Amino acid sequence: MPDKSSGSRKSAKAKSPVDKASDLARQIWLAGVGAYGQAVDDTQQEVTRRVAQVSQDTSKFFEELVSRGSDLEKNMGALGKMSADMRAEGLRRGADMSLSLEDRLSRMRDMLGLAPTGSGFEEKVDKLTADVAALSAKLDLVLDQMNKPVSKPAARKPAAKKKATTKKKPAAKKKTTARKKAPAKKKPVSRN
């Protein structure tokens, strides 16, 4: 049996270049994993610190907003009362203006003869409504008559087809020499 201790000494003393490269690659890998672990730890510590800071800042900011709101509410109490008074005054003026507008419209109707009270206004409106209804009914009748289908006249029997005849080409005209006519002699006009 060979001695194990003597075999391990030989391998430690005589490492091949491949084994050396493999050991170096493993050490580089472990250094990278260690750097990643350190970065994760640092990031977790920073996040925890910032969350605590934000929580503290948020509560301070919220308390500041609450105090400002209570101060504004105290100041608005007096302004709110003034605002309510101003709104009531505005509503009163608006009501006065609408009454004034109604009075003006009533006077205009009277001037134009359209006053609804005592002048037969309702009767005029009823008559106009009846006239519009009658016209609408007449229009419906006319439209119905226009939409009725028109009866078609009895169909004619088609004429018998004529046999196609071949047309003869006209004969070519002969050229003739035309004689020029002499102008007619004028008769003397008698002067009596």
N, C-alpha and C. Protein backbone atom coordinates (compact mmCIF):
# COMPACT_ATOMS: atom_id res chain seq x y z
N MET A 1 0.82 -1.18 0.00
CA MET A 1 0.00 0.00 0.00
C MET A 1 0.85 1.23 0.00
N PRO A 2 0.50 2.15 -0.83
CA PRO A 2 1.30 3.37 -0.86
C PRO A 2 0.91 4.27 0.28
N ASP A 3 1.80 5.08 0.66
CA ASP A 3 1.61 6.02 1.76
C ASP A 3 0.89 7.26 1.23
N LYS A 4 -0.24 7.63 1.90
CA LYS A 4 -1.04 8.77 1.44
C LYS A 4 -0.32 10.08 1.69
N SER A 5 0.36 10.17 2.71
CA SER A 5 1.04 11.43 3.03
C SER A 5 2.13 11.73 2.03
N SER A 6 2.81 10.73 1.53
CA SER A 6 3.85 10.98 0.56
C SER A 6 3.26 11.37 -0.78
N GLY A 7 2.08 10.88 -1.14
CA GLY A 7 1.41 11.23 -2.40
C GLY A 7 0.89 12.66 -2.37
N SER A 8 0.41 13.13 -1.23
CA SER A 8 -0.12 14.49 -1.16
C SER A 8 1.01 15.49 -1.17
N ARG A 9 2.17 15.09 -0.65
CA ARG A 9 3.31 15.99 -0.69
C ARG A 9 3.79 16.18 -2.10
N LYS A 10 3.76 15.15 -2.87
CA LYS A 10 4.21 15.26 -4.25
C LYS A 10 3.28 16.18 -5.03
N SER A 11 1.97 16.07 -4.79
CA SER A 11 1.03 16.89 -5.56
C SER A 11 1.12 18.34 -5.12
N ALA A 12 1.47 18.60 -3.85
CA ALA A 12 1.58 19.98 -3.38
C ALA A 12 2.83 20.61 -3.94
N LYS A 13 3.84 19.84 -4.08
CA LYS A 13 5.09 20.39 -4.58
C LYS A 13 5.04 20.58 -6.07
N ALA A 14 4.47 19.68 -6.76
CA ALA A 14 4.51 19.75 -8.20
C ALA A 14 3.09 19.96 -8.76
N LYS A 15 2.57 21.22 -8.71
CA LYS A 15 1.26 21.51 -9.28
C LYS A 15 1.44 21.86 -10.74
N SER A 16 0.55 21.37 -11.52
CA SER A 16 0.64 21.65 -12.94
C SER A 16 0.10 23.06 -13.20
N PRO A 17 0.44 23.65 -14.33
CA PRO A 17 -0.06 24.99 -14.65
C PRO A 17 -1.58 25.03 -14.72
N VAL A 18 -2.24 23.95 -15.11
CA VAL A 18 -3.70 23.91 -15.19
C VAL A 18 -4.28 24.00 -13.79
N ASP A 19 -3.65 23.29 -12.83
CA ASP A 19 -4.14 23.33 -11.46
C ASP A 19 -3.95 24.72 -10.87
N LYS A 20 -2.84 25.34 -11.18
CA LYS A 20 -2.59 26.70 -10.68
C LYS A 20 -3.64 27.67 -11.24
N ALA A 21 -3.96 27.57 -12.51
CA ALA A 21 -4.94 28.46 -13.14
C ALA A 21 -6.33 28.21 -12.54
N SER A 22 -6.61 26.94 -12.26
CA SER A 22 -7.89 26.58 -11.67
C SER A 22 -8.02 27.17 -10.27
N ASP A 23 -6.96 27.10 -9.48
CA ASP A 23 -6.98 27.67 -8.13
C ASP A 23 -7.14 29.19 -8.18
N LEU A 24 -6.46 29.83 -9.10
CA LEU A 24 -6.55 31.29 -9.24
C LEU A 24 -7.96 31.70 -9.66
N ALA A 25 -8.58 30.95 -10.58
CA ALA A 25 -9.93 31.26 -11.03
C ALA A 25 -10.92 31.13 -9.87
N ARG A 26 -10.71 30.07 -9.03
CA ARG A 26 -11.58 29.90 -7.87
C ARG A 26 -11.43 31.04 -6.90
N GLN A 27 -10.22 31.50 -6.66
CA GLN A 27 -10.01 32.62 -5.74
C GLN A 27 -10.65 33.91 -6.28
N ILE A 28 -10.58 34.12 -7.59
CA ILE A 28 -11.21 35.30 -8.21
C ILE A 28 -12.72 35.21 -8.04
N TRP A 29 -13.24 34.01 -8.25
CA TRP A 29 -14.69 33.81 -8.09
C TRP A 29 -15.12 34.11 -6.64
N LEU A 30 -14.39 33.60 -5.68
CA LEU A 30 -14.73 33.82 -4.27
C LEU A 30 -14.61 35.30 -3.90
N ALA A 31 -13.66 36.00 -4.46
CA ALA A 31 -13.53 37.45 -4.21
C ALA A 31 -14.74 38.19 -4.76
N GLY A 32 -15.22 37.79 -5.93
CA GLY A 32 -16.41 38.43 -6.51
C GLY A 32 -17.65 38.19 -5.67
N VAL A 33 -17.81 36.95 -5.18
CA VAL A 33 -18.96 36.62 -4.32
C VAL A 33 -18.87 37.42 -3.03
N GLY A 34 -17.69 37.58 -2.49
CA GLY A 34 -17.51 38.36 -1.26
C GLY A 34 -17.85 39.83 -1.49
N ALA A 35 -17.46 40.38 -2.64
CA ALA A 35 -17.77 41.78 -2.97
C ALA A 35 -19.28 41.96 -3.11
N TYR A 36 -19.93 40.99 -3.73
CA TYR A 36 -21.39 41.06 -3.88
C TYR A 36 -22.06 41.04 -2.51
N GLY A 37 -21.61 40.15 -1.62
CA GLY A 37 -22.18 40.06 -0.27
C GLY A 37 -21.99 41.36 0.49
N GLN A 38 -20.80 41.97 0.36
CA GLN A 38 -20.53 43.25 1.04
C GLN A 38 -21.45 44.35 0.50
N ALA A 39 -21.67 44.38 -0.81
CA ALA A 39 -22.54 45.39 -1.41
C ALA A 39 -23.98 45.22 -0.94
N VAL A 40 -24.45 43.97 -0.84
CA VAL A 40 -25.81 43.72 -0.36
C VAL A 40 -25.95 44.20 1.08
N ASP A 41 -24.97 43.90 1.92
CA ASP A 41 -25.03 44.33 3.33
C ASP A 41 -25.04 45.84 3.43
N ASP A 42 -24.17 46.53 2.66
CA ASP A 42 -24.12 47.99 2.69
C ASP A 42 -25.44 48.59 2.22
N THR A 43 -26.03 48.02 1.18
CA THR A 43 -27.29 48.53 0.63
C THR A 43 -28.41 48.36 1.65
N GLN A 44 -28.47 47.21 2.32
CA GLN A 44 -29.51 46.99 3.31
C GLN A 44 -29.38 47.98 4.46
N GLN A 45 -28.16 48.24 4.88
CA GLN A 45 -27.96 49.21 5.97
C GLN A 45 -28.40 50.61 5.53
N GLU A 46 -28.06 51.00 4.28
CA GLU A 46 -28.43 52.33 3.77
C GLU A 46 -29.94 52.46 3.63
N VAL A 47 -30.59 51.42 3.14
CA VAL A 47 -32.05 51.45 2.98
C VAL A 47 -32.71 51.57 4.35
N THR A 48 -32.26 50.82 5.30
CA THR A 48 -32.83 50.88 6.65
C THR A 48 -32.65 52.28 7.23
N ARG A 49 -31.49 52.88 7.03
CA ARG A 49 -31.23 54.22 7.54
C ARG A 49 -32.15 55.24 6.87
N ARG A 50 -32.31 55.14 5.57
CA ARG A 50 -33.14 56.10 4.84
C ARG A 50 -34.62 55.95 5.18
N VAL A 51 -35.09 54.73 5.35
CA VAL A 51 -36.49 54.50 5.72
C VAL A 51 -36.77 55.16 7.08
N ALA A 52 -35.84 54.98 8.01
CA ALA A 52 -36.01 55.60 9.32
C ALA A 52 -36.04 57.12 9.19
N GLN A 53 -35.16 57.67 8.36
CA GLN A 53 -35.09 59.13 8.16
C GLN A 53 -36.38 59.64 7.52
N VAL A 54 -36.88 58.93 6.48
CA VAL A 54 -38.11 59.35 5.80
C VAL A 54 -39.29 59.29 6.76
N SER A 55 -39.38 58.25 7.57
CA SER A 55 -40.46 58.13 8.54
C SER A 55 -40.44 59.30 9.51
N GLN A 56 -39.25 59.64 9.95
CA GLN A 56 -39.11 60.76 10.89
C GLN A 56 -39.47 62.08 10.21
N ASP A 57 -38.99 62.29 8.98
CA ASP A 57 -39.29 63.52 8.25
C ASP A 57 -40.78 63.62 7.91
N THR A 58 -41.38 62.48 7.56
CA THR A 58 -42.79 62.48 7.20
C THR A 58 -43.64 62.87 8.40
N SER A 59 -43.35 62.32 9.55
CA SER A 59 -44.14 62.67 10.73
C SER A 59 -43.96 64.14 11.09
N LYS A 60 -42.74 64.69 10.94
CA LYS A 60 -42.52 66.12 11.21
C LYS A 60 -43.31 66.97 10.22
N PHE A 61 -43.26 66.59 8.95
CA PHE A 61 -43.96 67.34 7.91
C PHE A 61 -45.47 67.31 8.14
N PHE A 62 -45.99 66.14 8.53
CA PHE A 62 -47.42 66.01 8.80
C PHE A 62 -47.83 66.90 9.97
N GLU A 63 -47.02 66.92 11.00
CA GLU A 63 -47.33 67.77 12.17
C GLU A 63 -47.32 69.24 11.78
N GLU A 64 -46.38 69.65 10.92
CA GLU A 64 -46.34 71.04 10.45
C GLU A 64 -47.60 71.39 9.67
N LEU A 65 -48.05 70.49 8.81
CA LEU A 65 -49.26 70.75 8.03
C LEU A 65 -50.49 70.85 8.93
N VAL A 66 -50.56 70.02 9.95
CA VAL A 66 -51.70 70.07 10.88
C VAL A 66 -51.72 71.41 11.60
N SER A 67 -50.55 71.88 12.05
CA SER A 67 -50.51 73.16 12.77
C SER A 67 -50.87 74.32 11.84
N ARG A 68 -50.40 74.29 10.59
CA ARG A 68 -50.77 75.34 9.64
C ARG A 68 -52.27 75.32 9.35
N GLY A 69 -52.84 74.13 9.22
CA GLY A 69 -54.27 74.00 8.98
C GLY A 69 -55.09 74.57 10.12
N SER A 70 -54.68 74.30 11.35
CA SER A 70 -55.43 74.83 12.50
C SER A 70 -55.33 76.35 12.55
N ASP A 71 -54.15 76.91 12.22
CA ASP A 71 -54.00 78.37 12.18
C ASP A 71 -54.92 78.98 11.11
N LEU A 72 -54.95 78.36 9.93
CA LEU A 72 -55.80 78.87 8.85
C LEU A 72 -57.28 78.76 9.23
N GLU A 73 -57.63 77.68 9.92
CA GLU A 73 -59.02 77.51 10.31
C GLU A 73 -59.45 78.62 11.27
N LYS A 74 -58.56 78.99 12.18
CA LYS A 74 -58.87 80.08 13.11
C LYS A 74 -59.08 81.38 12.34
N ASN A 75 -58.18 81.66 11.37
CA ASN A 75 -58.29 82.89 10.58
C ASN A 75 -59.52 82.85 9.68
N MET A 76 -59.85 81.67 9.17
CA MET A 76 -60.98 81.55 8.26
C MET A 76 -62.31 81.66 8.98
N GLY A 77 -62.32 81.46 10.28
CA GLY A 77 -63.56 81.58 11.03
C GLY A 77 -64.18 82.94 10.81
N ALA A 78 -63.38 83.99 10.93
CA ALA A 78 -63.88 85.34 10.73
C ALA A 78 -64.19 85.56 9.26
N LEU A 79 -63.31 85.08 8.40
CA LEU A 79 -63.54 85.25 6.96
C LEU A 79 -64.74 84.44 6.50
N GLY A 80 -64.93 83.26 7.08
CA GLY A 80 -66.07 82.43 6.71
C GLY A 80 -67.38 83.11 7.05
N LYS A 81 -67.42 83.79 8.20
CA LYS A 81 -68.64 84.50 8.58
C LYS A 81 -68.90 85.64 7.61
N MET A 82 -67.83 86.37 7.23
CA MET A 82 -67.98 87.45 6.25
C MET A 82 -68.43 86.87 4.91
N SER A 83 -67.87 85.75 4.54
CA SER A 83 -68.21 85.12 3.27
C SER A 83 -69.68 84.71 3.24
N ALA A 84 -70.18 84.16 4.33
CA ALA A 84 -71.58 83.76 4.39
C ALA A 84 -72.49 84.98 4.25
N ASP A 85 -72.11 86.08 4.90
CA ASP A 85 -72.90 87.32 4.79
C ASP A 85 -72.91 87.83 3.35
N MET A 86 -71.75 87.77 2.72
CA MET A 86 -71.65 88.25 1.33
C MET A 86 -72.47 87.36 0.40
N ARG A 87 -72.47 86.05 0.64
CA ARG A 87 -73.27 85.16 -0.19
C ARG A 87 -74.75 85.45 -0.05
N ALA A 88 -75.20 85.70 1.18
CA ALA A 88 -76.61 86.00 1.41
C ALA A 88 -76.99 87.29 0.68
N GLU A 89 -76.12 88.29 0.75
CA GLU A 89 -76.37 89.56 0.05
C GLU A 89 -76.42 89.34 -1.47
N GLY A 90 -75.55 88.53 -1.98
CA GLY A 90 -75.54 88.23 -3.41
C GLY A 90 -76.82 87.52 -3.84
N LEU A 91 -77.29 86.59 -3.03
CA LEU A 91 -78.53 85.89 -3.36
C LEU A 91 -79.71 86.85 -3.35
N ARG A 92 -79.74 87.77 -2.39
CA ARG A 92 -80.82 88.74 -2.33
C ARG A 92 -80.82 89.63 -3.56
N ARG A 93 -79.63 90.08 -3.96
CA ARG A 93 -79.53 90.94 -5.16
C ARG A 93 -79.94 90.17 -6.41
N GLY A 94 -79.53 88.91 -6.49
CA GLY A 94 -79.91 88.09 -7.64
C GLY A 94 -81.42 87.92 -7.73
N ALA A 95 -82.07 87.73 -6.58
CA ALA A 95 -83.53 87.59 -6.57
C ALA A 95 -84.17 88.90 -7.02
N ASP A 96 -83.63 90.03 -6.55
CA ASP A 96 -84.16 91.33 -6.96
C ASP A 96 -84.01 91.51 -8.47
N MET A 97 -82.86 91.12 -9.01
CA MET A 97 -82.62 91.28 -10.44
C MET A 97 -83.56 90.39 -11.24
N SER A 98 -83.83 89.17 -10.76
CA SER A 98 -84.71 88.29 -11.52
C SER A 98 -86.14 88.82 -11.50
N LEU A 99 -86.56 89.43 -10.35
CA LEU A 99 -87.89 90.05 -10.31
C LEU A 99 -87.95 91.22 -11.29
N SER A 100 -86.88 91.99 -11.31
CA SER A 100 -86.82 93.12 -12.23
C SER A 100 -86.89 92.63 -13.67
N LEU A 101 -86.23 91.55 -13.98
CA LEU A 101 -86.25 91.00 -15.33
C LEU A 101 -87.65 90.51 -15.69
N GLU A 102 -88.33 89.87 -14.74
CA GLU A 102 -89.70 89.42 -14.99
C GLU A 102 -90.62 90.61 -15.26
N ASP A 103 -90.43 91.70 -14.51
CA ASP A 103 -91.24 92.90 -14.74
C ASP A 103 -91.01 93.43 -16.15
N ARG A 104 -89.77 93.48 -16.55
CA ARG A 104 -89.44 93.99 -17.89
C ARG A 104 -90.06 93.12 -18.97
N LEU A 105 -89.94 91.80 -18.81
CA LEU A 105 -90.52 90.89 -19.80
C LEU A 105 -92.04 91.04 -19.86
N SER A 106 -92.65 91.21 -18.72
CA SER A 106 -94.10 91.39 -18.69
C SER A 106 -94.50 92.66 -19.44
N ARG A 107 -93.76 93.75 -19.23
CA ARG A 107 -94.06 95.00 -19.94
C ARG A 107 -93.87 94.84 -21.44
N MET A 108 -92.83 94.12 -21.85
CA MET A 108 -92.59 93.91 -23.28
C MET A 108 -93.73 93.09 -23.90
N ARG A 109 -94.21 92.06 -23.20
CA ARG A 109 -95.32 91.26 -23.71
C ARG A 109 -96.56 92.13 -23.88
N ASP A 110 -96.80 93.02 -22.90
CA ASP A 110 -97.95 93.91 -22.99
C ASP A 110 -97.84 94.81 -24.21
N MET A 111 -96.63 95.34 -24.43
CA MET A 111 -96.44 96.26 -25.57
C MET A 111 -96.63 95.54 -26.90
N LEU A 112 -96.23 94.29 -26.98
CA LEU A 112 -96.33 93.54 -28.23
C LEU A 112 -97.67 92.83 -28.38
N GLY A 113 -98.51 92.94 -27.39
CA GLY A 113 -99.81 92.29 -27.47
C GLY A 113 -99.74 90.81 -27.19
N LEU A 114 -98.74 90.40 -26.48
CA LEU A 114 -98.57 88.99 -26.15
C LEU A 114 -98.82 88.72 -24.67
N ALA A 115 -99.46 89.64 -24.00
CA ALA A 115 -99.66 89.49 -22.56
C ALA A 115 -100.54 88.28 -22.28
N PRO A 116 -100.12 87.40 -21.39
CA PRO A 116 -100.88 86.19 -21.12
C PRO A 116 -102.14 86.42 -20.29
N THR A 117 -102.25 87.52 -19.63
CA THR A 117 -103.40 87.72 -18.75
C THR A 117 -104.46 88.55 -19.43
N GLY A 118 -105.70 88.04 -19.53
CA GLY A 118 -106.85 88.78 -20.00
C GLY A 118 -106.87 89.11 -21.48
N SER A 119 -105.95 88.67 -22.28
CA SER A 119 -105.95 89.05 -23.69
C SER A 119 -106.21 87.85 -24.60
N GLY A 120 -106.63 86.74 -24.05
CA GLY A 120 -106.92 85.57 -24.86
C GLY A 120 -105.65 84.84 -25.31
N PHE A 121 -104.59 84.99 -24.55
CA PHE A 121 -103.30 84.39 -24.90
C PHE A 121 -103.41 82.87 -24.98
N GLU A 122 -104.07 82.28 -23.97
CA GLU A 122 -104.20 80.83 -23.95
C GLU A 122 -104.98 80.33 -25.16
N GLU A 123 -106.03 81.08 -25.55
CA GLU A 123 -106.82 80.69 -26.70
C GLU A 123 -105.99 80.73 -27.98
N LYS A 124 -105.15 81.77 -28.08
CA LYS A 124 -104.28 81.88 -29.27
C LYS A 124 -103.31 80.71 -29.34
N VAL A 125 -102.75 80.38 -28.21
CA VAL A 125 -101.79 79.26 -28.18
C VAL A 125 -102.51 77.96 -28.53
N ASP A 126 -103.73 77.76 -27.99
CA ASP A 126 -104.48 76.54 -28.30
C ASP A 126 -104.82 76.46 -29.78
N LYS A 127 -105.21 77.60 -30.38
CA LYS A 127 -105.55 77.63 -31.81
C LYS A 127 -104.33 77.31 -32.66
N LEU A 128 -103.19 77.92 -32.30
CA LEU A 128 -101.96 77.65 -33.05
C LEU A 128 -101.56 76.18 -32.93
N THR A 129 -101.73 75.62 -31.75
CA THR A 129 -101.38 74.20 -31.56
C THR A 129 -102.27 73.31 -32.42
N ALA A 130 -103.57 73.65 -32.48
CA ALA A 130 -104.50 72.86 -33.31
C ALA A 130 -104.14 72.99 -34.79
N ASP A 131 -103.77 74.21 -35.22
CA ASP A 131 -103.39 74.41 -36.62
C ASP A 131 -102.15 73.59 -36.97
N VAL A 132 -101.19 73.57 -36.08
CA VAL A 132 -99.96 72.80 -36.32
C VAL A 132 -100.29 71.32 -36.41
N ALA A 133 -101.18 70.84 -35.55
CA ALA A 133 -101.56 69.43 -35.57
C ALA A 133 -102.26 69.09 -36.88
N ALA A 134 -103.16 70.00 -37.37
CA ALA A 134 -103.86 69.74 -38.63
C ALA A 134 -102.88 69.71 -39.80
N LEU A 135 -101.96 70.64 -39.83
CA LEU A 135 -100.94 70.65 -40.90
C LEU A 135 -100.09 69.39 -40.86
N SER A 136 -99.75 68.94 -39.68
CA SER A 136 -98.94 67.73 -39.54
C SER A 136 -99.70 66.53 -40.09
N ALA A 137 -101.02 66.45 -39.81
CA ALA A 137 -101.82 65.33 -40.32
C ALA A 137 -101.89 65.36 -41.85
N LYS A 138 -102.07 66.56 -42.42
CA LYS A 138 -102.12 66.67 -43.89
C LYS A 138 -100.78 66.27 -44.49
N LEU A 139 -99.71 66.68 -43.87
CA LEU A 139 -98.38 66.33 -44.37
C LEU A 139 -98.18 64.82 -44.34
N ASP A 140 -98.65 64.18 -43.29
CA ASP A 140 -98.55 62.72 -43.21
C ASP A 140 -99.31 62.05 -44.34
N LEU A 141 -100.52 62.57 -44.68
CA LEU A 141 -101.29 61.99 -45.79
C LEU A 141 -100.54 62.13 -47.12
N VAL A 142 -99.98 63.31 -47.33
CA VAL A 142 -99.25 63.54 -48.58
C VAL A 142 -98.05 62.60 -48.66
N LEU A 143 -97.33 62.45 -47.57
CA LEU A 143 -96.16 61.55 -47.57
C LEU A 143 -96.58 60.11 -47.79
N ASP A 144 -97.71 59.70 -47.22
CA ASP A 144 -98.20 58.34 -47.45
C ASP A 144 -98.51 58.11 -48.92
N GLN A 145 -99.16 59.09 -49.56
CA GLN A 145 -99.50 58.95 -50.98
C GLN A 145 -98.25 58.90 -51.83
N MET A 146 -97.24 59.64 -51.44
CA MET A 146 -96.00 59.65 -52.22
C MET A 146 -95.26 58.33 -52.08
N ASN A 147 -95.44 57.66 -50.97
CA ASN A 147 -94.71 56.41 -50.73
C ASN A 147 -95.43 55.19 -51.28
N LYS A 148 -96.69 55.34 -51.75
CA LYS A 148 -97.39 54.20 -52.33
C LYS A 148 -96.75 53.81 -53.64
N PRO A 149 -96.66 52.50 -53.92
CA PRO A 149 -96.04 52.10 -55.18
C PRO A 149 -96.95 52.46 -56.35
N VAL A 150 -96.35 52.91 -57.42
CA VAL A 150 -97.09 53.29 -58.63
C VAL A 150 -97.32 52.02 -59.44
N SER A 151 -98.60 51.82 -59.91
CA SER A 151 -98.88 50.62 -60.69
C SER A 151 -98.24 50.77 -62.06
N LYS A 152 -97.64 49.70 -62.52
CA LYS A 152 -96.93 49.72 -63.80
C LYS A 152 -97.91 49.42 -64.93
N PRO A 153 -97.79 50.06 -66.10
CA PRO A 153 -98.67 49.74 -67.23
C PRO A 153 -98.39 48.32 -67.73
N ALA A 154 -99.36 47.76 -68.45
CA ALA A 154 -99.21 46.40 -68.96
C ALA A 154 -97.98 46.32 -69.84
N ALA A 155 -97.28 45.27 -69.70
CA ALA A 155 -96.04 45.11 -70.45
C ALA A 155 -96.35 44.89 -71.92
N ARG A 156 -95.64 45.52 -72.77
CA ARG A 156 -95.82 45.36 -74.23
C ARG A 156 -95.09 44.13 -74.71
N LYS A 157 -95.62 43.57 -75.78
CA LYS A 157 -94.95 42.42 -76.36
C LYS A 157 -93.74 42.94 -77.12
N PRO A 158 -92.66 42.28 -76.97
CA PRO A 158 -91.48 42.74 -77.70
C PRO A 158 -91.68 42.55 -79.20
N ALA A 159 -91.22 43.52 -79.95
CA ALA A 159 -91.34 43.45 -81.41
C ALA A 159 -90.45 42.33 -81.92
N ALA A 160 -90.88 41.71 -83.00
CA ALA A 160 -90.11 40.63 -83.60
C ALA A 160 -88.79 41.19 -84.11
N LYS A 161 -87.80 40.44 -83.89
CA LYS A 161 -86.48 40.91 -84.31
C LYS A 161 -86.38 40.82 -85.82
N LYS A 162 -85.85 41.88 -86.38
CA LYS A 162 -85.63 41.88 -87.82
C LYS A 162 -84.34 41.19 -88.12
N LYS A 163 -84.31 40.57 -89.26
CA LYS A 163 -83.09 39.92 -89.68
C LYS A 163 -82.07 40.98 -90.02
N ALA A 164 -80.92 40.71 -89.62
CA ALA A 164 -79.85 41.66 -89.92
C ALA A 164 -79.56 41.61 -91.41
N THR A 165 -79.62 42.74 -92.03
CA THR A 165 -79.33 42.79 -93.46
C THR A 165 -77.97 43.43 -93.64
N THR A 166 -77.32 42.99 -94.63
CA THR A 166 -76.02 43.58 -94.90
C THR A 166 -76.23 44.79 -95.78
N LYS A 167 -75.68 45.83 -95.38
CA LYS A 167 -75.82 47.07 -96.16
C LYS A 167 -74.78 47.06 -97.27
N LYS A 168 -75.25 47.52 -98.41
CA LYS A 168 -74.33 47.62 -99.54
C LYS A 168 -73.63 48.94 -99.44
N LYS A 169 -72.41 48.91 -99.84
CA LYS A 169 -71.65 50.15 -99.84
C LYS A 169 -72.13 50.99 -101.00
N PRO A 170 -72.29 52.28 -100.76
CA PRO A 170 -72.72 53.13 -101.88
C PRO A 170 -71.67 53.12 -102.99
N ALA A 171 -72.16 53.20 -104.17
CA ALA A 171 -71.26 53.19 -105.33
C ALA A 171 -70.44 54.46 -105.32
N ALA A 172 -69.26 54.33 -105.73
CA ALA A 172 -68.37 55.48 -105.77
C ALA A 172 -68.88 56.46 -106.82
N LYS A 173 -68.90 57.72 -106.50
CA LYS A 173 -69.38 58.73 -107.43
C LYS A 173 -68.32 58.98 -108.49
N LYS A 174 -68.82 59.16 -109.66
CA LYS A 174 -67.90 59.44 -110.75
C LYS A 174 -67.64 60.92 -110.78
N LYS A 175 -66.45 61.23 -111.10
CA LYS A 175 -66.11 62.64 -111.20
C LYS A 175 -66.54 63.15 -112.57
N THR A 176 -67.28 64.21 -112.50
CA THR A 176 -67.69 64.82 -113.77
C THR A 176 -67.10 66.21 -113.83
N THR A 177 -66.85 66.62 -114.99
CA THR A 177 -66.32 67.97 -115.15
C THR A 177 -67.50 68.89 -115.29
N ALA A 178 -67.61 69.79 -114.44
CA ALA A 178 -68.73 70.72 -114.46
C ALA A 178 -68.38 71.90 -115.32
N ARG A 179 -69.33 72.30 -116.12
CA ARG A 179 -69.12 73.47 -116.95
C ARG A 179 -69.56 74.69 -116.15
N LYS A 180 -68.79 75.68 -116.28
CA LYS A 180 -69.16 76.90 -115.61
C LYS A 180 -70.18 77.62 -116.46
N LYS A 181 -71.22 78.06 -115.76
CA LYS A 181 -72.26 78.79 -116.49
C LYS A 181 -71.85 80.24 -116.58
N ALA A 182 -72.19 80.79 -117.68
CA ALA A 182 -71.90 82.21 -117.86
C ALA A 182 -72.92 82.99 -117.08
N PRO A 183 -72.55 84.10 -116.55
CA PRO A 183 -73.51 84.89 -115.80
C PRO A 183 -74.63 85.35 -116.74
N ALA A 184 -75.83 85.41 -116.18
CA ALA A 184 -77.00 85.82 -116.97
C ALA A 184 -76.90 87.30 -117.29
N LYS A 185 -77.38 87.63 -118.45
CA LYS A 185 -77.32 89.02 -118.87
C LYS A 185 -78.43 89.76 -118.19
N LYS A 186 -78.13 90.97 -117.81
CA LYS A 186 -79.12 91.79 -117.14
C LYS A 186 -79.94 92.50 -118.19
N LYS A 187 -81.23 92.58 -117.89
CA LYS A 187 -82.11 93.31 -118.80
C LYS A 187 -82.03 94.77 -118.45
N PRO A 188 -82.08 95.59 -119.51
CA PRO A 188 -82.03 97.03 -119.21
C PRO A 188 -83.32 97.46 -118.53
N VAL A 189 -83.17 98.30 -117.59
CA VAL A 189 -84.33 98.80 -116.84
C VAL A 189 -84.84 100.02 -117.56
N SER A 190 -86.14 100.03 -117.82
CA SER A 190 -86.69 101.19 -118.48
C SER A 190 -87.02 102.26 -117.47
N ARG A 191 -86.78 103.48 -117.93
CA ARG A 191 -87.02 104.60 -117.03
C ARG A 191 -88.20 105.39 -117.57
N ASN A 192 -89.20 105.16 -117.14
CA ASN A 192 -90.39 105.93 -117.53
C ASN A 192 -90.92 106.66 -116.40
